[in-house]
Each structure stands twice: as C-alpha cells, then as structure tokens.
C-alpha cells in the first residue's frame, strides 16, 4: 500500500525521498517519440477499479508497499507494520476513503496498471491533491502509459476543483523521478538519512 510513495519499483541503494508538486494550470502533451506515436494509435483511459478486482489489488499493494519500505531502510517487521497501518487507515472496511479514487489504467480496452489519487494527506481541503499510488504492469512498461495516466490524473483533479497534484517518490526510484521531472513536478522537500555507527564505548567487545 502506498501512502505517499508512487512507484515503479526498482532496487537501488540511494535513500533520499523527494516530495514533489505540480500546479495544474496546463496539460502537457506527450513528447513526439516512439511511445507517443504508439499512443496516437491507442486510447488510454482511467476506469474505476471493478469491485471484483479491488480486494486483490489492496493485498498486492500492501505487500508491495512493505517491500518498498524495506528497500528504503526499514526492518522487515517495521515495513510490514507500516503497510498494515496504511491499509487500515486508507481502506477502512476494504473501500477507499471519501473523495479518493482508485482507477485501472486502460489501453485499448485492456487494463495495464492502476492509479490511486485523493486529497492531500495533510491538507484535505480539496485544493491540494495527492498521487498515492501509480503503477504500470511490468509487461506494459515503456509505452508511455504512466505518463498518459498522470496527465489524465491532472484532468481528473482539475475537474474536482483541485489546484495542485503532489506525490512522494523513493530516492532509489530513478525511473519514476525522471518521469515526474519531465512532467513538470518540482521538488518541495527532501528527506535524507545516514546510518550512524555506535559510539566506541558501546561497541561489543
């Protein structure tokens, strides 16, 4: 479960966690490259997650979020606890919170990923919105679906009266960070961490 960290999971060792935000004052077209050419021939849409697939999606994202937390430096026990807490807070009774939207990313009628957006976790005023999770299925990556889904998310937020769309991304996830930067997201805060060795008098003999 991704509370604040959208991702296409990669496994790198860097630990900074940027928080990014983009004002929704214009909608960028996809760049003129191979992916956008394929999108010219394919229709990419967002469709509400069907009930029959929702429970399996929650389970998969909870496990995936725990893996991400562990990759970012938490112990396995801490990562599992964080993921379980996230699920309980964000999906009480197995359903999204009010105003939250969970979509399937659809390309030419076939689901190729998922997107979860909702009001900002610290500012649930309907002005600032948040990407809680976005993922394109591994076999469907490299076709521009993630970029198109983010642009569609901006339209969805704008239609709901939102002004900004923000997100967190793990520092090790360079692919996602490059995508968000290319879409105009700017870093608004950055968390850093370094392991600290025990003091000499505390080292075991």
C-alpha atoms as a PDB file:
ATOM      1  CA  UNK A   1       0.000   0.000   0.000  1.00  0.00           C
ATOM      2  CA  UNK A   2       1.475   3.312  -0.978  1.00  0.00           C
ATOM      3  CA  UNK A   3       0.504   6.030   1.429  1.00  0.00           C
ATOM      4  CA  UNK A   4       2.613   8.713  -0.179  1.00  0.00           C
ATOM      5  CA  UNK A   5       5.095   6.916  -2.439  1.00  0.00           C
ATOM      6  CA  UNK A   6       4.010   6.251  -6.017  1.00  0.00           C
ATOM      7  CA  UNK A   7       6.394   3.903  -7.742  1.00  0.00           C
ATOM      8  CA  UNK A   8       7.569   1.660 -10.470  1.00  0.00           C
ATOM      9  CA  UNK A   9       9.685  -0.473  -8.175  1.00  0.00           C
ATOM     10  CA  UNK A  10      13.405  -0.579  -8.759  1.00  0.00           C
ATOM     11  CA  UNK A  11      16.095  -1.647  -6.343  1.00  0.00           C
ATOM     12  CA  UNK A  12      18.845   0.934  -5.841  1.00  0.00           C
ATOM     13  CA  UNK A  13      20.683   1.942  -2.695  1.00  0.00           C
ATOM     14  CA  UNK A  14      20.166   5.700  -2.582  1.00  0.00           C
ATOM     15  CA  UNK A  15      17.822   6.858   0.170  1.00  0.00           C
ATOM     16  CA  UNK A  16      16.645  10.476  -0.398  1.00  0.00           C
ATOM     17  CA  UNK A  17      12.842  10.724  -0.605  1.00  0.00           C
ATOM     18  CA  UNK A  18      11.761  13.759  -2.636  1.00  0.00           C
ATOM     19  CA  UNK A  19       8.319  15.251  -2.259  1.00  0.00           C
ATOM     20  CA  UNK A  20       7.120  16.848  -5.491  1.00  0.00           C
ATOM     21  CA  UNK A  21       4.212  19.011  -6.563  1.00  0.00           C
ATOM     22  CA  UNK A  22       2.832  20.366  -9.823  1.00  0.00           C
ATOM     23  CA  UNK A  23       0.347  23.175 -10.341  1.00  0.00           C
ATOM     24  CA  UNK A  24      -2.443  22.107 -12.663  1.00  0.00           C
ATOM     25  CA  UNK A  25      -2.539  25.158 -14.884  1.00  0.00           C
ATOM     26  CA  UNK A  26      -1.851  23.461 -18.190  1.00  0.00           C
ATOM     27  CA  UNK A  27      -1.815  19.958 -19.606  1.00  0.00           C
ATOM     28  CA  UNK A  28       1.341  18.841 -21.371  1.00  0.00           C
ATOM     29  CA  UNK A  29       1.086  16.679 -24.480  1.00  0.00           C
ATOM     30  CA  UNK A  30       3.175  13.543 -24.716  1.00  0.00           C
ATOM     31  CA  UNK A  31       6.519  14.218 -26.420  1.00  0.00           C
ATOM     32  CA  UNK A  32       6.958  13.240 -30.050  1.00  0.00           C
ATOM     33  CA  UNK A  33       8.793   9.949 -29.594  1.00  0.00           C
ATOM     34  CA  UNK A  34       8.112   6.252 -30.097  1.00  0.00           C
ATOM     35  CA  UNK A  35       5.858   5.969 -27.032  1.00  0.00           C
ATOM     36  CA  UNK A  36       3.695   8.909 -28.002  1.00  0.00           C
ATOM     37  CA  UNK A  37       3.434   7.583 -31.557  1.00  0.00           C
ATOM     38  CA  UNK A  38       2.051   4.339 -30.201  1.00  0.00           C
ATOM     39  CA  UNK A  39      -0.338   6.317 -28.009  1.00  0.00           C
ATOM     40  CA  UNK A  40      -1.559   8.113 -31.130  1.00  0.00           C
ATOM     41  CA  UNK A  41      -2.950   4.745 -32.230  1.00  0.00           C
ATOM     42  CA  UNK A  42      -4.119   3.634 -28.781  1.00  0.00           C
ATOM     43  CA  UNK A  43      -6.755   5.057 -26.466  1.00  0.00           C
ATOM     44  CA  UNK A  44      -5.591   5.356 -22.847  1.00  0.00           C
ATOM     45  CA  UNK A  45      -8.282   5.999 -20.234  1.00  0.00           C
ATOM     46  CA  UNK A  46      -8.883   5.746 -16.490  1.00  0.00           C
ATOM     47  CA  UNK A  47     -11.696   3.486 -15.306  1.00  0.00           C
ATOM     48  CA  UNK A  48     -12.834   2.916 -11.690  1.00  0.00           C
ATOM     49  CA  UNK A  49     -11.341  -0.281 -10.264  1.00  0.00           C
ATOM     50  CA  UNK A  50     -14.004  -3.040 -10.544  1.00  0.00           C
ATOM     51  CA  UNK A  51     -15.221  -4.462  -7.229  1.00  0.00           C
ATOM     52  CA  UNK A  52     -14.208  -7.989  -8.202  1.00  0.00           C
ATOM     53  CA  UNK A  53     -10.551  -6.921  -8.548  1.00  0.00           C
ATOM     54  CA  UNK A  54     -10.373  -4.417  -5.712  1.00  0.00           C
ATOM     55  CA  UNK A  55      -9.581  -6.789  -2.810  1.00  0.00           C
ATOM     56  CA  UNK A  56      -6.754  -8.443  -4.746  1.00  0.00           C
ATOM     57  CA  UNK A  57      -5.369  -5.011  -5.638  1.00  0.00           C
ATOM     58  CA  UNK A  58      -5.318  -3.926  -1.974  1.00  0.00           C
ATOM     59  CA  UNK A  59      -3.486  -7.109  -0.946  1.00  0.00           C
ATOM     60  CA  UNK A  60      -0.913  -6.771  -3.729  1.00  0.00           C
ATOM     61  CA  UNK A  61      -0.242  -3.102  -2.974  1.00  0.00           C
ATOM     62  CA  UNK A  62       0.078  -3.742   0.763  1.00  0.00           C
ATOM     63  CA  UNK A  63       2.749  -6.375   0.119  1.00  0.00           C
ATOM     64  CA  UNK A  64       4.453  -4.169  -2.444  1.00  0.00           C
ATOM     65  CA  UNK A  65       4.462  -1.177  -0.107  1.00  0.00           C
ATOM     66  CA  UNK A  66       6.091  -3.272   2.619  1.00  0.00           C
ATOM     67  CA  UNK A  67       8.817  -4.285   0.153  1.00  0.00           C
ATOM     68  CA  UNK A  68       9.360  -0.631  -0.753  1.00  0.00           C
ATOM     69  CA  UNK A  69       9.648   0.443   2.884  1.00  0.00           C
ATOM     70  CA  UNK A  70      12.169  -2.319   3.499  1.00  0.00           C
ATOM     71  CA  UNK A  71      14.160  -1.290   0.411  1.00  0.00           C
ATOM     72  CA  UNK A  72      14.165   2.273   1.773  1.00  0.00           C
ATOM     73  CA  UNK A  73      15.783   1.127   5.025  1.00  0.00           C
ATOM     74  CA  UNK A  74      13.101  -0.132   7.411  1.00  0.00           C
ATOM     75  CA  UNK A  75      13.409  -3.541   9.032  1.00  0.00           C
ATOM     76  CA  UNK A  76      11.070  -6.238   7.662  1.00  0.00           C
ATOM     77  CA  UNK A  77       8.924  -6.018  10.801  1.00  0.00           C
ATOM     78  CA  UNK A  78       8.722  -2.219  10.608  1.00  0.00           C
ATOM     79  CA  UNK A  79       7.891  -2.354   6.900  1.00  0.00           C
ATOM     80  CA  UNK A  80       5.069  -4.862   7.411  1.00  0.00           C
ATOM     81  CA  UNK A  81       3.637  -2.846  10.304  1.00  0.00           C
ATOM     82  CA  UNK A  82       3.736   0.374   8.263  1.00  0.00           C
ATOM     83  CA  UNK A  83       1.991  -1.328   5.348  1.00  0.00           C
ATOM     84  CA  UNK A  84      -0.739  -2.813   7.556  1.00  0.00           C
ATOM     85  CA  UNK A  85      -1.337   0.559   9.216  1.00  0.00           C
ATOM     86  CA  UNK A  86      -1.572   2.204   5.805  1.00  0.00           C
ATOM     87  CA  UNK A  87      -4.185  -0.296   4.667  1.00  0.00           C
ATOM     88  CA  UNK A  88      -6.280   0.176   7.812  1.00  0.00           C
ATOM     89  CA  UNK A  89      -6.179   3.977   7.561  1.00  0.00           C
ATOM     90  CA  UNK A  90      -6.742   4.344   3.832  1.00  0.00           C
ATOM     91  CA  UNK A  91      -9.141   1.462   3.176  1.00  0.00           C
ATOM     92  CA  UNK A  92     -11.440   1.046   6.178  1.00  0.00           C
ATOM     93  CA  UNK A  93     -13.881  -1.790   5.519  1.00  0.00           C
ATOM     94  CA  UNK A  94     -11.940  -2.544   2.355  1.00  0.00           C
ATOM     95  CA  UNK A  95     -13.086   0.577   0.497  1.00  0.00           C
ATOM     96  CA  UNK A  96     -11.328   3.887  -0.318  1.00  0.00           C
ATOM     97  CA  UNK A  97     -11.790   6.948   1.847  1.00  0.00           C
ATOM     98  CA  UNK A  98     -14.258   9.624   0.760  1.00  0.00           C
ATOM     99  CA  UNK A  99     -13.142  11.517  -2.374  1.00  0.00           C
ATOM    100  CA  UNK A 100     -10.349   9.019  -3.039  1.00  0.00           C
ATOM    101  CA  UNK A 101     -10.312   7.490  -6.499  1.00  0.00           C
ATOM    102  CA  UNK A 102      -8.764   4.151  -7.489  1.00  0.00           C
ATOM    103  CA  UNK A 103      -8.583   3.592 -11.237  1.00  0.00           C
ATOM    104  CA  UNK A 104      -7.412   0.980 -13.640  1.00  0.00           C
ATOM    105  CA  UNK A 105      -5.262   2.367 -16.444  1.00  0.00           C
ATOM    106  CA  UNK A 106      -6.855   1.081 -19.645  1.00  0.00           C
ATOM    107  CA  UNK A 107      -5.083   0.940 -23.021  1.00  0.00           C
ATOM    108  CA  UNK A 108      -7.244  -0.065 -25.976  1.00  0.00           C
ATOM    109  CA  UNK A 109      -9.704  -1.745 -23.647  1.00  0.00           C
ATOM    110  CA  UNK A 110      -7.167  -3.753 -21.629  1.00  0.00           C
ATOM    111  CA  UNK A 111      -6.035  -2.942 -18.052  1.00  0.00           C
ATOM    112  CA  UNK A 112      -2.309  -2.130 -17.978  1.00  0.00           C
ATOM    113  CA  UNK A 113      -1.899  -0.656 -14.489  1.00  0.00           C
ATOM    114  CA  UNK A 114      -3.512   1.232 -11.634  1.00  0.00           C
ATOM    115  CA  UNK A 115      -3.723   4.753 -10.212  1.00  0.00           C
ATOM    116  CA  UNK A 116      -4.872   5.976  -6.795  1.00  0.00           C
ATOM    117  CA  UNK A 117      -5.438   9.682  -6.112  1.00  0.00           C
ATOM    118  CA  UNK A 118      -7.113  11.603  -3.308  1.00  0.00           C
ATOM    119  CA  UNK A 119      -6.968  14.808  -1.267  1.00  0.00           C
ATOM    120  CA  UNK A 120      -3.558  15.703   0.162  1.00  0.00           C
ATOM    121  CA  UNK A 121      -2.985  13.700   3.388  1.00  0.00           C
ATOM    122  CA  UNK A 122      -2.047  16.820   5.388  1.00  0.00           C
ATOM    123  CA  UNK A 123      -4.301  19.311   3.575  1.00  0.00           C
ATOM    124  CA  UNK A 124      -7.607  17.564   2.775  1.00  0.00           C
ATOM    125  CA  UNK A 125      -9.251  20.787   1.637  1.00  0.00           C
ATOM    126  CA  UNK A 126      -9.894  19.736  -1.955  1.00  0.00           C
ATOM    127  CA  UNK A 127      -7.351  22.247  -3.283  1.00  0.00           C
ATOM    128  CA  UNK A 128      -4.204  20.135  -2.968  1.00  0.00           C
ATOM    129  CA  UNK A 129      -4.400  16.561  -4.241  1.00  0.00           C
ATOM    130  CA  UNK A 130      -2.046  13.610  -3.974  1.00  0.00           C
ATOM    131  CA  UNK A 131      -0.952  10.629  -6.053  1.00  0.00           C
ATOM    132  CA  UNK A 132      -0.915   7.821  -3.505  1.00  0.00           C
ATOM    133  CA  UNK A 133      -0.002   5.117  -5.982  1.00  0.00           C
ATOM    134  CA  UNK A 134       0.600   4.629  -9.670  1.00  0.00           C
ATOM    135  CA  UNK A 135       1.964   1.542 -11.358  1.00  0.00           C
ATOM    136  CA  UNK A 136       2.087   0.185 -14.876  1.00  0.00           C
ATOM    137  CA  UNK A 137       2.238  -3.591 -15.221  1.00  0.00           C
ATOM    138  CA  UNK A 138       5.762  -4.761 -15.965  1.00  0.00           C
ATOM    139  CA  UNK A 139       4.891  -6.227 -19.357  1.00  0.00           C
ATOM    140  CA  UNK A 140       3.241  -2.949 -20.413  1.00  0.00           C
ATOM    141  CA  UNK A 141       6.003  -0.526 -19.436  1.00  0.00           C
ATOM    142  CA  UNK A 142       7.899   1.548 -21.960  1.00  0.00           C
ATOM    143  CA  UNK A 143       4.798   2.535 -23.935  1.00  0.00           C
ATOM    144  CA  UNK A 144       4.035   5.894 -22.311  1.00  0.00           C
ATOM    145  CA  UNK A 145       1.068   4.645 -20.278  1.00  0.00           C
ATOM    146  CA  UNK A 146       2.398   6.027 -16.995  1.00  0.00           C
ATOM    147  CA  UNK A 147       2.894   9.480 -18.475  1.00  0.00           C
ATOM    148  CA  UNK A 148      -0.557   9.456 -20.030  1.00  0.00           C
ATOM    149  CA  UNK A 149      -2.136   8.267 -16.776  1.00  0.00           C
ATOM    150  CA  UNK A 150      -0.512  11.141 -14.880  1.00  0.00           C
ATOM    151  CA  UNK A 151      -1.894  13.642 -17.389  1.00  0.00           C
ATOM    152  CA  UNK A 152      -5.341  12.078 -17.059  1.00  0.00           C
ATOM    153  CA  UNK A 153      -4.991  12.311 -13.270  1.00  0.00           C
ATOM    154  CA  UNK A 154      -4.367  16.046 -13.623  1.00  0.00           C
ATOM    155  CA  UNK A 155      -7.572  16.411 -15.621  1.00  0.00           C
ATOM    156  CA  UNK A 156      -9.487  14.423 -13.007  1.00  0.00           C
ATOM    157  CA  UNK A 157      -8.159  16.620 -10.188  1.00  0.00           C
ATOM    158  CA  UNK A 158      -8.868  19.821 -12.110  1.00  0.00           C
ATOM    159  CA  UNK A 159     -12.450  18.669 -12.738  1.00  0.00           C
ATOM    160  CA  UNK A 160     -12.838  18.153  -8.972  1.00  0.00           C
ATOM    161  CA  UNK A 161     -11.649  21.701  -8.243  1.00  0.00           C
ATOM    162  CA  UNK A 162      -8.062  20.828  -7.323  1.00  0.00           C
ATOM    163  CA  UNK A 163      -5.203  23.248  -7.958  1.00  0.00           C
ATOM    164  CA  UNK A 164      -2.082  21.162  -7.273  1.00  0.00           C
ATOM    165  CA  UNK A 165      -1.165  17.500  -7.550  1.00  0.00           C
ATOM    166  CA  UNK A 166       1.682  16.197  -5.397  1.00  0.00           C
ATOM    167  CA  UNK A 167       3.450  12.948  -4.641  1.00  0.00           C
ATOM    168  CA  UNK A 168       6.351  11.308  -2.857  1.00  0.00           C
ATOM    169  CA  UNK A 169       8.822   9.040  -4.591  1.00  0.00           C
ATOM    170  CA  UNK A 170      11.518   6.862  -3.060  1.00  0.00           C
ATOM    171  CA  UNK A 171      15.031   8.126  -3.703  1.00  0.00           C
ATOM    172  CA  UNK A 172      16.078   4.824  -5.261  1.00  0.00           C
ATOM    173  CA  UNK A 173      13.312   5.017  -7.882  1.00  0.00           C
ATOM    174  CA  UNK A 174      15.191   6.924 -10.574  1.00  0.00           C
ATOM    175  CA  UNK A 175      12.795   5.929 -13.379  1.00  0.00           C
ATOM    176  CA  UNK A 176       9.793   7.495 -11.652  1.00  0.00           C
ATOM    177  CA  UNK A 177      11.765  10.572 -10.570  1.00  0.00           C
ATOM    178  CA  UNK A 178      12.795  11.257 -14.159  1.00  0.00           C
ATOM    179  CA  UNK A 179       9.210  10.852 -15.362  1.00  0.00           C
ATOM    180  CA  UNK A 180       7.793  13.271 -12.793  1.00  0.00           C
ATOM    181  CA  UNK A 181      10.502  15.836 -13.524  1.00  0.00           C
ATOM    182  CA  UNK A 182       9.710  15.634 -17.246  1.00  0.00           C
ATOM    183  CA  UNK A 183       6.029  16.276 -16.442  1.00  0.00           C
ATOM    184  CA  UNK A 184       6.843  19.481 -14.573  1.00  0.00           C
ATOM    185  CA  UNK A 185       6.814  18.269 -10.962  1.00  0.00           C
ATOM    186  CA  UNK A 186       9.130  20.266  -8.716  1.00  0.00           C
ATOM    187  CA  UNK A 187      10.801  19.047  -5.526  1.00  0.00           C
ATOM    188  CA  UNK A 188       9.225  20.753  -2.498  1.00  0.00           C
ATOM    189  CA  UNK A 189      11.067  18.837   0.250  1.00  0.00           C
ATOM    190  CA  UNK A 190      13.757  16.182   0.519  1.00  0.00           C
ATOM    191  CA  UNK A 191      14.388  13.716   3.340  1.00  0.00           C
ATOM    192  CA  UNK A 192      17.896  12.347   3.846  1.00  0.00           C
ATOM    193  CA  UNK A 193      19.194   9.592   6.110  1.00  0.00           C
ATOM    194  CA  UNK A 194      22.577   8.137   7.043  1.00  0.00           C
ATOM    195  CA  UNK A 195      23.359   5.117   9.262  1.00  0.00           C
ATOM    196  CA  UNK A 196      25.236   6.132  12.417  1.00  0.00           C
ATOM    197  CA  UNK A 197      27.902   3.808  13.818  1.00  0.00           C
ATOM    198  CA  UNK A 198      27.713   3.085  17.576  1.00  0.00           C
ATOM    199  CA  UNK A 199      29.992   5.058  19.878  1.00  0.00           C
ATOM    200  CA  UNK A 200      33.316   3.396  20.693  1.00  0.00           C
ATOM    201  CA  UNK A 201      32.310   2.701  24.288  1.00  0.00           C
ATOM    202  CA  UNK A 202      29.135   0.976  23.086  1.00  0.00           C
ATOM    203  CA  UNK A 203      30.791  -1.367  20.608  1.00  0.00           C
ATOM    204  CA  UNK A 204      30.667  -5.022  21.656  1.00  0.00           C
ATOM    205  CA  UNK A 205      33.994  -6.487  22.749  1.00  0.00           C
END
